[in-house]
Amino acid sequence: MPNTAGTRHLVDASLLAALPQRAVFINPGRGSVVDERALADALQSGRLAAPCSTSLSRTATGPIMCSGEHQMCSFTAHTAAVECARDIAPVFVDNYRRWTAGEPLRYQVDFVAGY
């Protein structure tokens, strides 16, 4: 999930309150998607059993900390995809051919949309 104005804090107090009691929250996206204060409140109140992130190296507010008030400590490595030159080179060659021919490029980043 991209980090855009439209995705920030999609997981908020109301969404967390709708989860079953003692649910385990798993975030497969970016840290900015989660309202960390709402998540911490849900954990401290016992509403959630545990948090888990499957792709974060940082939370939205800074480096991962596993002490004090910051309870979001179950993290796994961030891996979006395995990148191999043999997979990337054909895309580059195709886009270079398209660019020199004045054709639309494939797999462009839309900087306005944020991804």
PDB file of N, CA and C in Angstrom:
ATOM      1  N   MET A   1       0.854  -1.165   0.000  1.00  0.00           N
ATOM      2  CA  MET A   1       0.000   0.000   0.000  1.00  0.00           C
ATOM      3  C   MET A   1       0.901   1.229   0.000  1.00  0.00           C
ATOM      4  N   PRO A   2       0.602   2.185  -0.849  1.00  0.00           N
ATOM      5  CA  PRO A   2       1.432   3.386  -0.899  1.00  0.00           C
ATOM      6  C   PRO A   2       1.197   4.289   0.306  1.00  0.00           C
ATOM      7  N   ASN A   3       2.157   5.161   0.548  1.00  0.00           N
ATOM      8  CA  ASN A   3       2.044   6.153   1.610  1.00  0.00           C
ATOM      9  C   ASN A   3       1.511   7.437   0.984  1.00  0.00           C
ATOM     10  N   THR A   4       0.194   7.603   1.026  1.00  0.00           N
ATOM     11  CA  THR A   4      -0.431   8.790   0.451  1.00  0.00           C
ATOM     12  C   THR A   4      -1.401   9.385   1.463  1.00  0.00           C
ATOM     13  N   ALA A   5      -1.891  10.575   1.158  1.00  0.00           N
ATOM     14  CA  ALA A   5      -2.876  11.213   2.041  1.00  0.00           C
ATOM     15  C   ALA A   5      -4.118  10.336   2.175  1.00  0.00           C
ATOM     16  N   GLY A   6      -4.449   9.597   1.135  1.00  0.00           N
ATOM     17  CA  GLY A   6      -5.631   8.750   1.167  1.00  0.00           C
ATOM     18  C   GLY A   6      -5.462   7.447   1.940  1.00  0.00           C
ATOM     19  N   THR A   7      -4.216   7.086   2.261  1.00  0.00           N
ATOM     20  CA  THR A   7      -3.992   5.835   2.994  1.00  0.00           C
ATOM     21  C   THR A   7      -3.568   6.061   4.440  1.00  0.00           C
ATOM     22  N   ARG A   8      -3.211   7.285   4.806  1.00  0.00           N
ATOM     23  CA  ARG A   8      -2.761   7.561   6.175  1.00  0.00           C
ATOM     24  C   ARG A   8      -3.874   7.328   7.179  1.00  0.00           C
ATOM     25  N   HIS A   9      -3.562   6.559   8.191  1.00  0.00           N
ATOM     26  CA  HIS A   9      -4.469   6.257   9.308  1.00  0.00           C
ATOM     27  C   HIS A   9      -5.775   5.598   8.863  1.00  0.00           C
ATOM     28  N   LEU A  10      -5.708   4.782   7.807  1.00  0.00           N
ATOM     29  CA  LEU A  10      -6.883   3.991   7.438  1.00  0.00           C
ATOM     30  C   LEU A  10      -7.273   3.064   8.586  1.00  0.00           C
ATOM     31  N   VAL A  11      -6.265   2.574   9.286  1.00  0.00           N
ATOM     32  CA  VAL A  11      -6.525   1.749  10.475  1.00  0.00           C
ATOM     33  C   VAL A  11      -6.558   2.705  11.654  1.00  0.00           C
ATOM     34  N   ASP A  12      -7.763   3.033  12.087  1.00  0.00           N
ATOM     35  CA  ASP A  12      -7.942   3.994  13.171  1.00  0.00           C
ATOM     36  C   ASP A  12      -8.704   3.348  14.325  1.00  0.00           C
ATOM     37  N   ALA A  13      -9.074   4.134  15.315  1.00  0.00           N
ATOM     38  CA  ALA A  13      -9.749   3.601  16.507  1.00  0.00           C
ATOM     39  C   ALA A  13     -11.057   2.904  16.155  1.00  0.00           C
ATOM     40  N   SER A  14     -11.809   3.445  15.212  1.00  0.00           N
ATOM     41  CA  SER A  14     -13.095   2.817  14.875  1.00  0.00           C
ATOM     42  C   SER A  14     -12.898   1.469  14.188  1.00  0.00           C
ATOM     43  N   LEU A  15     -11.904   1.355  13.323  1.00  0.00           N
ATOM     44  CA  LEU A  15     -11.640   0.069  12.682  1.00  0.00           C
ATOM     45  C   LEU A  15     -11.161  -0.947  13.713  1.00  0.00           C
ATOM     46  N   LEU A  16     -10.265  -0.530  14.589  1.00  0.00           N
ATOM     47  CA  LEU A  16      -9.753  -1.445  15.615  1.00  0.00           C
ATOM     48  C   LEU A  16     -10.860  -1.884  16.567  1.00  0.00           C
ATOM     49  N   ALA A  17     -11.795  -0.995  16.861  1.00  0.00           N
ATOM     50  CA  ALA A  17     -12.911  -1.333  17.752  1.00  0.00           C
ATOM     51  C   ALA A  17     -13.854  -2.350  17.104  1.00  0.00           C
ATOM     52  N   ALA A  18     -13.862  -2.407  15.784  1.00  0.00           N
ATOM     53  CA  ALA A  18     -14.744  -3.342  15.075  1.00  0.00           C
ATOM     54  C   ALA A  18     -14.178  -4.762  15.022  1.00  0.00           C
ATOM     55  N   LEU A  19     -12.915  -4.930  15.390  1.00  0.00           N
ATOM     56  CA  LEU A  19     -12.311  -6.265  15.383  1.00  0.00           C
ATOM     57  C   LEU A  19     -12.824  -7.082  16.561  1.00  0.00           C
ATOM     58  N   PRO A  20     -12.817  -8.407  16.432  1.00  0.00           N
ATOM     59  CA  PRO A  20     -13.237  -9.244  17.564  1.00  0.00           C
ATOM     60  C   PRO A  20     -12.321  -9.027  18.777  1.00  0.00           C
ATOM     61  N   GLN A  21     -12.885  -9.174  19.956  1.00  0.00           N
ATOM     62  CA  GLN A  21     -12.116  -9.029  21.192  1.00  0.00           C
ATOM     63  C   GLN A  21     -10.884  -9.944  21.151  1.00  0.00           C
ATOM     64  N   ARG A  22      -9.733  -9.404  21.522  1.00  0.00           N
ATOM     65  CA  ARG A  22      -8.460 -10.130  21.618  1.00  0.00           C
ATOM     66  C   ARG A  22      -7.926 -10.577  20.254  1.00  0.00           C
ATOM     67  N   ALA A  23      -8.310  -9.861  19.193  1.00  0.00           N
ATOM     68  CA  ALA A  23      -7.801 -10.158  17.853  1.00  0.00           C
ATOM     69  C   ALA A  23      -6.311  -9.853  17.789  1.00  0.00           C
ATOM     70  N   VAL A  24      -5.635 -10.459  16.861  1.00  0.00           N
ATOM     71  CA  VAL A  24      -4.242 -10.139  16.568  1.00  0.00           C
ATOM     72  C   VAL A  24      -4.256  -9.253  15.327  1.00  0.00           C
ATOM     73  N   PHE A  25      -3.698  -8.063  15.445  1.00  0.00           N
ATOM     74  CA  PHE A  25      -3.676  -7.123  14.333  1.00  0.00           C
ATOM     75  C   PHE A  25      -2.432  -7.361  13.496  1.00  0.00           C
ATOM     76  N   ILE A  26      -2.607  -7.601  12.203  1.00  0.00           N
ATOM     77  CA  ILE A  26      -1.493  -7.803  11.277  1.00  0.00           C
ATOM     78  C   ILE A  26      -1.541  -6.707  10.231  1.00  0.00           C
ATOM     79  N   ASN A  27      -0.464  -5.950  10.131  1.00  0.00           N
ATOM     80  CA  ASN A  27      -0.372  -4.875   9.150  1.00  0.00           C
ATOM     81  C   ASN A  27       0.597  -5.286   8.041  1.00  0.00           C
ATOM     82  N   PRO A  28       0.087  -5.597   6.859  1.00  0.00           N
ATOM     83  CA  PRO A  28       0.985  -5.942   5.759  1.00  0.00           C
ATOM     84  C   PRO A  28       1.468  -4.716   4.993  1.00  0.00           C
ATOM     85  N   GLY A  29       1.072  -3.532   5.442  1.00  0.00           N
ATOM     86  CA  GLY A  29       1.402  -2.310   4.710  1.00  0.00           C
ATOM     87  C   GLY A  29       2.368  -1.418   5.437  1.00  0.00           C
ATOM     88  N   ARG A  30       2.375  -0.184   5.045  1.00  0.00           N
ATOM     89  CA  ARG A  30       3.282   0.814   5.614  1.00  0.00           C
ATOM     90  C   ARG A  30       2.809   1.279   6.982  1.00  0.00           C
ATOM     91  N   GLY A  31       3.748   1.773   7.763  1.00  0.00           N
ATOM     92  CA  GLY A  31       3.426   2.253   9.101  1.00  0.00           C
ATOM     93  C   GLY A  31       2.448   3.398   9.118  1.00  0.00           C
ATOM     94  N   SER A  32       2.474   4.238   8.075  1.00  0.00           N
ATOM     95  CA  SER A  32       1.591   5.407   8.047  1.00  0.00           C
ATOM     96  C   SER A  32       0.121   5.038   7.928  1.00  0.00           C
ATOM     97  N   VAL A  33      -0.189   3.808   7.553  1.00  0.00           N
ATOM     98  CA  VAL A  33      -1.567   3.354   7.419  1.00  0.00           C
ATOM     99  C   VAL A  33      -2.230   3.228   8.795  1.00  0.00           C
ATOM    100  N   VAL A  34      -1.419   3.017   9.822  1.00  0.00           N
ATOM    101  CA  VAL A  34      -1.932   2.747  11.162  1.00  0.00           C
ATOM    102  C   VAL A  34      -1.837   3.981  12.043  1.00  0.00           C
ATOM    103  N   ASP A  35      -2.925   4.313  12.701  1.00  0.00           N
ATOM    104  CA  ASP A  35      -2.916   5.334  13.740  1.00  0.00           C
ATOM    105  C   ASP A  35      -2.285   4.669  14.965  1.00  0.00           C
ATOM    106  N   GLU A  36      -1.013   4.933  15.185  1.00  0.00           N
ATOM    107  CA  GLU A  36      -0.261   4.233  16.235  1.00  0.00           C
ATOM    108  C   GLU A  36      -0.836   4.476  17.627  1.00  0.00           C
ATOM    109  N   ARG A  37      -1.332   5.659  17.890  1.00  0.00           N
ATOM    110  CA  ARG A  37      -1.927   5.947  19.200  1.00  0.00           C
ATOM    111  C   ARG A  37      -3.156   5.069  19.404  1.00  0.00           C
ATOM    112  N   ALA A  38      -4.008   4.944  18.368  1.00  0.00           N
ATOM    113  CA  ALA A  38      -5.197   4.091  18.466  1.00  0.00           C
ATOM    114  C   ALA A  38      -4.800   2.630  18.663  1.00  0.00           C
ATOM    115  N   LEU A  39      -3.744   2.191  17.978  1.00  0.00           N
ATOM    116  CA  LEU A  39      -3.280   0.815  18.137  1.00  0.00           C
ATOM    117  C   LEU A  39      -2.735   0.591  19.544  1.00  0.00           C
ATOM    118  N   ALA A  40      -1.950   1.522  20.042  1.00  0.00           N
ATOM    119  CA  ALA A  40      -1.415   1.405  21.399  1.00  0.00           C
ATOM    120  C   ALA A  40      -2.551   1.384  22.426  1.00  0.00           C
ATOM    121  N   ASP A  41      -3.569   2.229  22.224  1.00  0.00           N
ATOM    122  CA  ASP A  41      -4.716   2.249  23.146  1.00  0.00           C
ATOM    123  C   ASP A  41      -5.453   0.914  23.123  1.00  0.00           C
ATOM    124  N   ALA A  42      -5.645   0.345  21.928  1.00  0.00           N
ATOM    125  CA  ALA A  42      -6.335  -0.944  21.810  1.00  0.00           C
ATOM    126  C   ALA A  42      -5.546  -2.053  22.486  1.00  0.00           C
ATOM    127  N   LEU A  43      -4.224  -1.979  22.421  1.00  0.00           N
ATOM    128  CA  LEU A  43      -3.378  -2.979  23.082  1.00  0.00           C
ATOM    129  C   LEU A  43      -3.419  -2.817  24.600  1.00  0.00           C
ATOM    130  N   GLN A  44      -3.281  -1.582  25.059  1.00  0.00           N
ATOM    131  CA  GLN A  44      -3.254  -1.330  26.501  1.00  0.00           C
ATOM    132  C   GLN A  44      -4.577  -1.664  27.165  1.00  0.00           C
ATOM    133  N   SER A  45      -5.683  -1.501  26.442  1.00  0.00           N
ATOM    134  CA  SER A  45      -6.988  -1.803  27.015  1.00  0.00           C
ATOM    135  C   SER A  45      -7.312  -3.294  26.969  1.00  0.00           C
ATOM    136  N   GLY A  46      -6.495  -4.070  26.268  1.00  0.00           N
ATOM    137  CA  GLY A  46      -6.751  -5.499  26.129  1.00  0.00           C
ATOM    138  C   GLY A  46      -7.689  -5.828  24.990  1.00  0.00           C
ATOM    139  N   ARG A  47      -8.106  -4.826  24.244  1.00  0.00           N
ATOM    140  CA  ARG A  47      -8.996  -5.049  23.102  1.00  0.00           C
ATOM    141  C   ARG A  47      -8.316  -5.946  22.063  1.00  0.00           C
ATOM    142  N   LEU A  48      -7.025  -5.695  21.825  1.00  0.00           N
ATOM    143  CA  LEU A  48      -6.244  -6.515  20.911  1.00  0.00           C
ATOM    144  C   LEU A  48      -5.284  -7.385  21.704  1.00  0.00           C
ATOM    145  N   ALA A  49      -5.032  -8.576  21.191  1.00  0.00           N
ATOM    146  CA  ALA A  49      -4.099  -9.484  21.856  1.00  0.00           C
ATOM    147  C   ALA A  49      -2.662  -9.137  21.523  1.00  0.00           C
ATOM    148  N   ALA A  50      -2.406  -8.763  20.265  1.00  0.00           N
ATOM    149  CA  ALA A  50      -1.029  -8.491  19.846  1.00  0.00           C
ATOM    150  C   ALA A  50      -1.030  -7.776  18.509  1.00  0.00           C
ATOM    151  N   PRO A  51       0.022  -7.001  18.253  1.00  0.00           N
ATOM    152  CA  PRO A  51       0.199  -6.417  16.929  1.00  0.00           C
ATOM    153  C   PRO A  51       1.242  -7.222  16.168  1.00  0.00           C
ATOM    154  N   CYS A  52       1.208  -7.124  14.873  1.00  0.00           N
ATOM    155  CA  CYS A  52       2.251  -7.722  14.060  1.00  0.00           C
ATOM    156  C   CYS A  52       2.329  -6.938  12.772  1.00  0.00           C
ATOM    157  N   SER A  53       3.519  -6.678  12.310  1.00  0.00           N
ATOM    158  CA  SER A  53       3.705  -6.040  11.016  1.00  0.00           C
ATOM    159  C   SER A  53       4.501  -7.000  10.160  1.00  0.00           C
ATOM    160  N   THR A  54       4.097  -7.155   8.929  1.00  0.00           N
ATOM    161  CA  THR A  54       4.805  -8.069   8.052  1.00  0.00           C
ATOM    162  C   THR A  54       5.751  -7.362   7.101  1.00  0.00           C
ATOM    163  N   SER A  55       5.809  -6.031   7.153  1.00  0.00           N
ATOM    164  CA  SER A  55       6.652  -5.379   6.162  1.00  0.00           C
ATOM    165  C   SER A  55       7.275  -4.071   6.596  1.00  0.00           C
ATOM    166  N   LEU A  56       7.371  -3.833   7.879  1.00  0.00           N
ATOM    167  CA  LEU A  56       7.887  -2.535   8.295  1.00  0.00           C
ATOM    168  C   LEU A  56       9.312  -2.619   8.809  1.00  0.00           C
ATOM    169  N   SER A  57      10.117  -1.662   8.429  1.00  0.00           N
ATOM    170  CA  SER A  57      11.404  -1.494   9.073  1.00  0.00           C
ATOM    171  C   SER A  57      11.347  -0.284   9.997  1.00  0.00           C
ATOM    172  N   ARG A  58      10.297   0.502   9.866  1.00  0.00           N
ATOM    173  CA  ARG A  58      10.057   1.669  10.720  1.00  0.00           C
ATOM    174  C   ARG A  58       8.569   1.763  10.966  1.00  0.00           C
ATOM    175  N   THR A  59       8.225   2.366  12.083  1.00  0.00           N
ATOM    176  CA  THR A  59       6.828   2.726  12.294  1.00  0.00           C
ATOM    177  C   THR A  59       6.647   4.109  11.682  1.00  0.00           C
ATOM    178  N   ALA A  60       5.453   4.626  11.689  1.00  0.00           N
ATOM    179  CA  ALA A  60       5.196   5.929  11.084  1.00  0.00           C
ATOM    180  C   ALA A  60       5.945   7.042  11.797  1.00  0.00           C
ATOM    181  N   THR A  61       6.185   6.880  13.098  1.00  0.00           N
ATOM    182  CA  THR A  61       6.786   7.965  13.869  1.00  0.00           C
ATOM    183  C   THR A  61       8.280   7.809  14.107  1.00  0.00           C
ATOM    184  N   GLY A  62       8.875   6.734  13.690  1.00  0.00           N
ATOM    185  CA  GLY A  62      10.307   6.606  13.878  1.00  0.00           C
ATOM    186  C   GLY A  62      10.762   5.172  13.940  1.00  0.00           C
ATOM    187  N   PRO A  63      12.001   4.965  14.352  1.00  0.00           N
ATOM    188  CA  PRO A  63      12.552   3.613  14.403  1.00  0.00           C
ATOM    189  C   PRO A  63      11.761   2.722  15.353  1.00  0.00           C
ATOM    190  N   ILE A  64      11.791   1.453  15.093  1.00  0.00           N
ATOM    191  CA  ILE A  64      11.100   0.493  15.939  1.00  0.00           C
ATOM    192  C   ILE A  64      11.730   0.478  17.320  1.00  0.00           C
ATOM    193  N   MET A  65      10.906   0.592  18.330  1.00  0.00           N
ATOM    194  CA  MET A  65      11.364   0.507  19.714  1.00  0.00           C
ATOM    195  C   MET A  65      10.501  -0.532  20.408  1.00  0.00           C
ATOM    196  N   CYS A  66      11.094  -1.315  21.253  1.00  0.00           N
ATOM    197  CA  CYS A  66      10.336  -2.370  21.925  1.00  0.00           C
ATOM    198  C   CYS A  66      10.379  -2.212  23.433  1.00  0.00           C
ATOM    199  N   SER A  67      10.300  -0.994  23.876  1.00  0.00           N
ATOM    200  CA  SER A  67      10.278  -0.759  25.314  1.00  0.00           C
ATOM    201  C   SER A  67       9.383   0.434  25.599  1.00  0.00           C
ATOM    202  N   GLY A  68       9.091   0.636  26.861  1.00  0.00           N
ATOM    203  CA  GLY A  68       8.288   1.784  27.257  1.00  0.00           C
ATOM    204  C   GLY A  68       6.892   1.709  26.696  1.00  0.00           C
ATOM    205  N   GLU A  69       6.377   2.860  26.254  1.00  0.00           N
ATOM    206  CA  GLU A  69       5.000   2.911  25.794  1.00  0.00           C
ATOM    207  C   GLU A  69       4.811   2.300  24.415  1.00  0.00           C
ATOM    208  N   HIS A  70       5.882   2.087  23.682  1.00  0.00           N
ATOM    209  CA  HIS A  70       5.771   1.590  22.320  1.00  0.00           C
ATOM    210  C   HIS A  70       5.671   0.074  22.350  1.00  0.00           C
ATOM    211  N   GLN A  71       4.502  -0.474  22.047  1.00  0.00           N
ATOM    212  CA  GLN A  71       4.269  -1.910  22.174  1.00  0.00           C
ATOM    213  C   GLN A  71       4.301  -2.641  20.843  1.00  0.00           C
ATOM    214  N   MET A  72       4.555  -1.951  19.751  1.00  0.00           N
ATOM    215  CA  MET A  72       4.504  -2.586  18.442  1.00  0.00           C
ATOM    216  C   MET A  72       5.853  -3.205  18.118  1.00  0.00           C
ATOM    217  N   CYS A  73       6.058  -4.423  18.577  1.00  0.00           N
ATOM    218  CA  CYS A  73       7.385  -5.023  18.546  1.00  0.00           C
ATOM    219  C   CYS A  73       7.471  -6.317  17.762  1.00  0.00           C
ATOM    220  N   SER A  74       6.416  -6.783  17.177  1.00  0.00           N
ATOM    221  CA  SER A  74       6.452  -8.028  16.420  1.00  0.00           C
ATOM    222  C   SER A  74       6.602  -7.690  14.947  1.00  0.00           C
ATOM    223  N   PHE A  75       7.814  -7.712  14.462  1.00  0.00           N
ATOM    224  CA  PHE A  75       8.077  -7.303  13.094  1.00  0.00           C
ATOM    225  C   PHE A  75       8.836  -8.388  12.348  1.00  0.00           C
ATOM    226  N   THR A  76       8.572  -8.490  11.073  1.00  0.00           N
ATOM    227  CA  THR A  76       9.326  -9.380  10.216  1.00  0.00           C
ATOM    228  C   THR A  76       9.982  -8.540   9.131  1.00  0.00           C
ATOM    229  N   ALA A  77      10.851  -9.132   8.368  1.00  0.00           N
ATOM    230  CA  ALA A  77      11.604  -8.403   7.348  1.00  0.00           C
ATOM    231  C   ALA A  77      10.695  -7.851   6.258  1.00  0.00           C
ATOM    232  N   HIS A  78      11.089  -6.704   5.723  1.00  0.00           N
ATOM    233  CA  HIS A  78      10.356  -6.107   4.610  1.00  0.00           C
ATOM    234  C   HIS A  78      10.884  -6.711   3.316  1.00  0.00           C
ATOM    235  N   THR A  79      10.027  -7.392   2.597  1.00  0.00           N
ATOM    236  CA  THR A  79      10.389  -7.960   1.308  1.00  0.00           C
ATOM    237  C   THR A  79       9.205  -7.804   0.375  1.00  0.00           C
ATOM    238  N   ALA A  80       9.287  -6.862  -0.536  1.00  0.00           N
ATOM    239  CA  ALA A  80       8.203  -6.671  -1.491  1.00  0.00           C
ATOM    240  C   ALA A  80       8.319  -7.678  -2.629  1.00  0.00           C
ATOM    241  N   ALA A  81       9.531  -7.936  -3.055  1.00  0.00           N
ATOM    242  CA  ALA A  81       9.750  -8.892  -4.145  1.00  0.00           C
ATOM    243  C   ALA A  81      11.245  -9.169  -4.259  1.00  0.00           C
ATOM    244  N   VAL A  82      11.549 -10.301  -4.793  1.00  0.00           N
ATOM    245  CA  VAL A  82      12.940 -10.623  -5.091  1.00  0.00           C
ATOM    246  C   VAL A  82      13.288  -9.926  -6.399  1.00  0.00           C
ATOM    247  N   GLU A  83      14.390  -9.200  -6.396  1.00  0.00           N
ATOM    248  CA  GLU A  83      14.800  -8.481  -7.593  1.00  0.00           C
ATOM    249  C   GLU A  83      16.042  -9.138  -8.170  1.00  0.00           C
ATOM    250  N   CYS A  84      15.936  -9.579  -9.396  1.00  0.00           N
ATOM    251  CA  CYS A  84      17.053 -10.205 -10.089  1.00  0.00           C
ATOM    252  C   CYS A  84      17.271  -9.471 -11.406  1.00  0.00           C
ATOM    253  N   ALA A  85      18.525  -9.290 -11.754  1.00  0.00           N
ATOM    254  CA  ALA A  85      18.845  -8.588 -13.002  1.00  0.00           C
ATOM    255  C   ALA A  85      18.165  -9.248 -14.196  1.00  0.00           C
ATOM    256  N   ARG A  86      18.074 -10.567 -14.197  1.00  0.00           N
ATOM    257  CA  ARG A  86      17.460 -11.257 -15.343  1.00  0.00           C
ATOM    258  C   ARG A  86      15.968 -10.920 -15.467  1.00  0.00           C
ATOM    259  N   ASP A  87      15.346 -10.500 -14.360  1.00  0.00           N
ATOM    260  CA  ASP A  87      13.938 -10.099 -14.404  1.00  0.00           C
ATOM    261  C   ASP A  87      13.777  -8.625 -14.767  1.00  0.00           C
ATOM    262  N   ILE A  88      14.703  -7.799 -14.309  1.00  0.00           N
ATOM    263  CA  ILE A  88      14.610  -6.355 -14.506  1.00  0.00           C
ATOM    264  C   ILE A  88      15.098  -5.935 -15.884  1.00  0.00           C
ATOM    265  N   ALA A  89      16.129  -6.566 -16.388  1.00  0.00           N
ATOM    266  CA  ALA A  89      16.723  -6.163 -17.666  1.00  0.00           C
ATOM    267  C   ALA A  89      15.724  -6.150 -18.826  1.00  0.00           C
ATOM    268  N   PRO A  90      14.875  -7.167 -18.988  1.00  0.00           N
ATOM    269  CA  PRO A  90      13.922  -7.115 -20.104  1.00  0.00           C
ATOM    270  C   PRO A  90      12.941  -5.941 -19.998  1.00  0.00           C
ATOM    271  N   VAL A  91      12.550  -5.576 -18.788  1.00  0.00           N
ATOM    272  CA  VAL A  91      11.653  -4.433 -18.595  1.00  0.00           C
ATOM    273  C   VAL A  91      12.369  -3.155 -19.004  1.00  0.00           C
ATOM    274  N   PHE A  92      13.636  -3.011 -18.578  1.00  0.00           N
ATOM    275  CA  PHE A  92      14.414  -1.832 -18.951  1.00  0.00           C
ATOM    276  C   PHE A  92      14.577  -1.754 -20.468  1.00  0.00           C
ATOM    277  N   VAL A  93      14.943  -2.861 -21.099  1.00  0.00           N
ATOM    278  CA  VAL A  93      15.142  -2.876 -22.548  1.00  0.00           C
ATOM    279  C   VAL A  93      13.848  -2.513 -23.270  1.00  0.00           C
ATOM    280  N   ASP A  94      12.726  -3.079 -22.836  1.00  0.00           N
ATOM    281  CA  ASP A  94      11.434  -2.772 -23.453  1.00  0.00           C
ATOM    282  C   ASP A  94      11.089  -1.291 -23.282  1.00  0.00           C
ATOM    283  N   ASN A  95      11.291  -0.753 -22.077  1.00  0.00           N
ATOM    284  CA  ASN A  95      10.983   0.662 -21.855  1.00  0.00           C
ATOM    285  C   ASN A  95      11.932   1.574 -22.621  1.00  0.00           C
ATOM    286  N   TYR A  96      13.182   1.188 -22.750  1.00  0.00           N
ATOM    287  CA  TYR A  96      14.122   1.987 -23.545  1.00  0.00           C
ATOM    288  C   TYR A  96      13.673   2.015 -25.006  1.00  0.00           C
ATOM    289  N   ARG A  97      13.263   0.863 -25.522  1.00  0.00           N
ATOM    290  CA  ARG A  97      12.761   0.797 -26.898  1.00  0.00           C
ATOM    291  C   ARG A  97      11.524   1.674 -27.042  1.00  0.00           C
ATOM    292  N   ARG A  98      10.618   1.607 -26.075  1.00  0.00           N
ATOM    293  CA  ARG A  98       9.400   2.422 -26.103  1.00  0.00           C
ATOM    294  C   ARG A  98       9.748   3.916 -26.056  1.00  0.00           C
ATOM    295  N   TRP A  99      10.693   4.283 -25.184  1.00  0.00           N
ATOM    296  CA  TRP A  99      11.075   5.693 -25.030  1.00  0.00           C
ATOM    297  C   TRP A  99      11.662   6.238 -26.331  1.00  0.00           C
ATOM    298  N   THR A 100      12.561   5.470 -26.953  1.00  0.00           N
ATOM    299  CA  THR A 100      13.176   5.943 -28.200  1.00  0.00           C
ATOM    300  C   THR A 100      12.179   5.997 -29.350  1.00  0.00           C
ATOM    301  N   ALA A 101      11.104   5.187 -29.280  1.00  0.00           N
ATOM    302  CA  ALA A 101      10.071   5.189 -30.315  1.00  0.00           C
ATOM    303  C   ALA A 101       8.940   6.178 -30.002  1.00  0.00           C
ATOM    304  N   GLY A 102       9.031   6.863 -28.849  1.00  0.00           N
ATOM    305  CA  GLY A 102       7.995   7.814 -28.468  1.00  0.00           C
ATOM    306  C   GLY A 102       6.713   7.154 -27.992  1.00  0.00           C
ATOM    307  N   GLU A 103       6.811   5.900 -27.553  1.00  0.00           N
ATOM    308  CA  GLU A 103       5.651   5.157 -27.070  1.00  0.00           C
ATOM    309  C   GLU A 103       5.523   5.303 -25.549  1.00  0.00           C
ATOM    310  N   PRO A 104       4.325   5.052 -25.015  1.00  0.00           N
ATOM    311  CA  PRO A 104       4.149   5.119 -23.558  1.00  0.00           C
ATOM    312  C   PRO A 104       5.016   4.063 -22.852  1.00  0.00           C
ATOM    313  N   LEU A 105       5.588   4.461 -21.719  1.00  0.00           N
ATOM    314  CA  LEU A 105       6.411   3.535 -20.936  1.00  0.00           C
ATOM    315  C   LEU A 105       5.521   2.656 -20.062  1.00  0.00           C
ATOM    316  N   ARG A 106       6.031   1.509 -19.707  1.00  0.00           N
ATOM    317  CA  ARG A 106       5.334   0.600 -18.801  1.00  0.00           C
ATOM    318  C   ARG A 106       5.894   0.775 -17.385  1.00  0.00           C
ATOM    319  N   TYR A 107       5.058   0.508 -16.392  1.00  0.00           N
ATOM    320  CA  TYR A 107       5.469   0.486 -14.972  1.00  0.00           C
ATOM    321  C   TYR A 107       5.977   1.834 -14.478  1.00  0.00           C
ATOM    322  N   GLN A 108       5.318   2.906 -14.872  1.00  0.00           N
ATOM    323  CA  GLN A 108       5.728   4.228 -14.429  1.00  0.00           C
ATOM    324  C   GLN A 108       5.195   4.538 -13.037  1.00  0.00           C
ATOM    325  N   VAL A 109       5.959   5.302 -12.293  1.00  0.00           N
ATOM    326  CA  VAL A 109       5.517   5.794 -10.997  1.00  0.00           C
ATOM    327  C   VAL A 109       4.716   7.063 -11.244  1.00  0.00           C
ATOM    328  N   ASP A 110       3.532   7.140 -10.630  1.00  0.00           N
ATOM    329  CA  ASP A 110       2.704   8.334 -10.709  1.00  0.00           C
ATOM    330  C   ASP A 110       2.988   9.168  -9.477  1.00  0.00           C
ATOM    331  N   PHE A 111       3.807  10.209  -9.617  1.00  0.00           N
ATOM    332  CA  PHE A 111       4.224  11.001  -8.470  1.00  0.00           C
ATOM    333  C   PHE A 111       3.068  11.789  -7.856  1.00  0.00           C
ATOM    334  N   VAL A 112       2.026  12.073  -8.636  1.00  0.00           N
ATOM    335  CA  VAL A 112       0.867  12.763  -8.094  1.00  0.00           C
ATOM    336  C   VAL A 112       0.093  11.815  -7.184  1.00  0.00           C
ATOM    337  N   ALA A 113      -0.116  10.565  -7.632  1.00  0.00           N
ATOM    338  CA  ALA A 113      -0.832   9.577  -6.820  1.00  0.00           C
ATOM    339  C   ALA A 113       0.027   9.099  -5.650  1.00  0.00           C
ATOM    340  N   GLY A 114       1.342   9.150  -5.806  1.00  0.00           N
ATOM    341  CA  GLY A 114       2.232   8.744  -4.725  1.00  0.00           C
ATOM    342  C   GLY A 114       2.730   7.317  -4.833  1.00  0.00           C
ATOM    343  N   TYR A 115       2.517   6.673  -5.958  1.00  0.00           N
ATOM    344  CA  TYR A 115       3.026   5.313  -6.159  1.00  0.00           C
ATOM    345  C   TYR A 115       3.137   4.990  -7.635  1.00  0.00           C
TER     346      TYR A 115
END
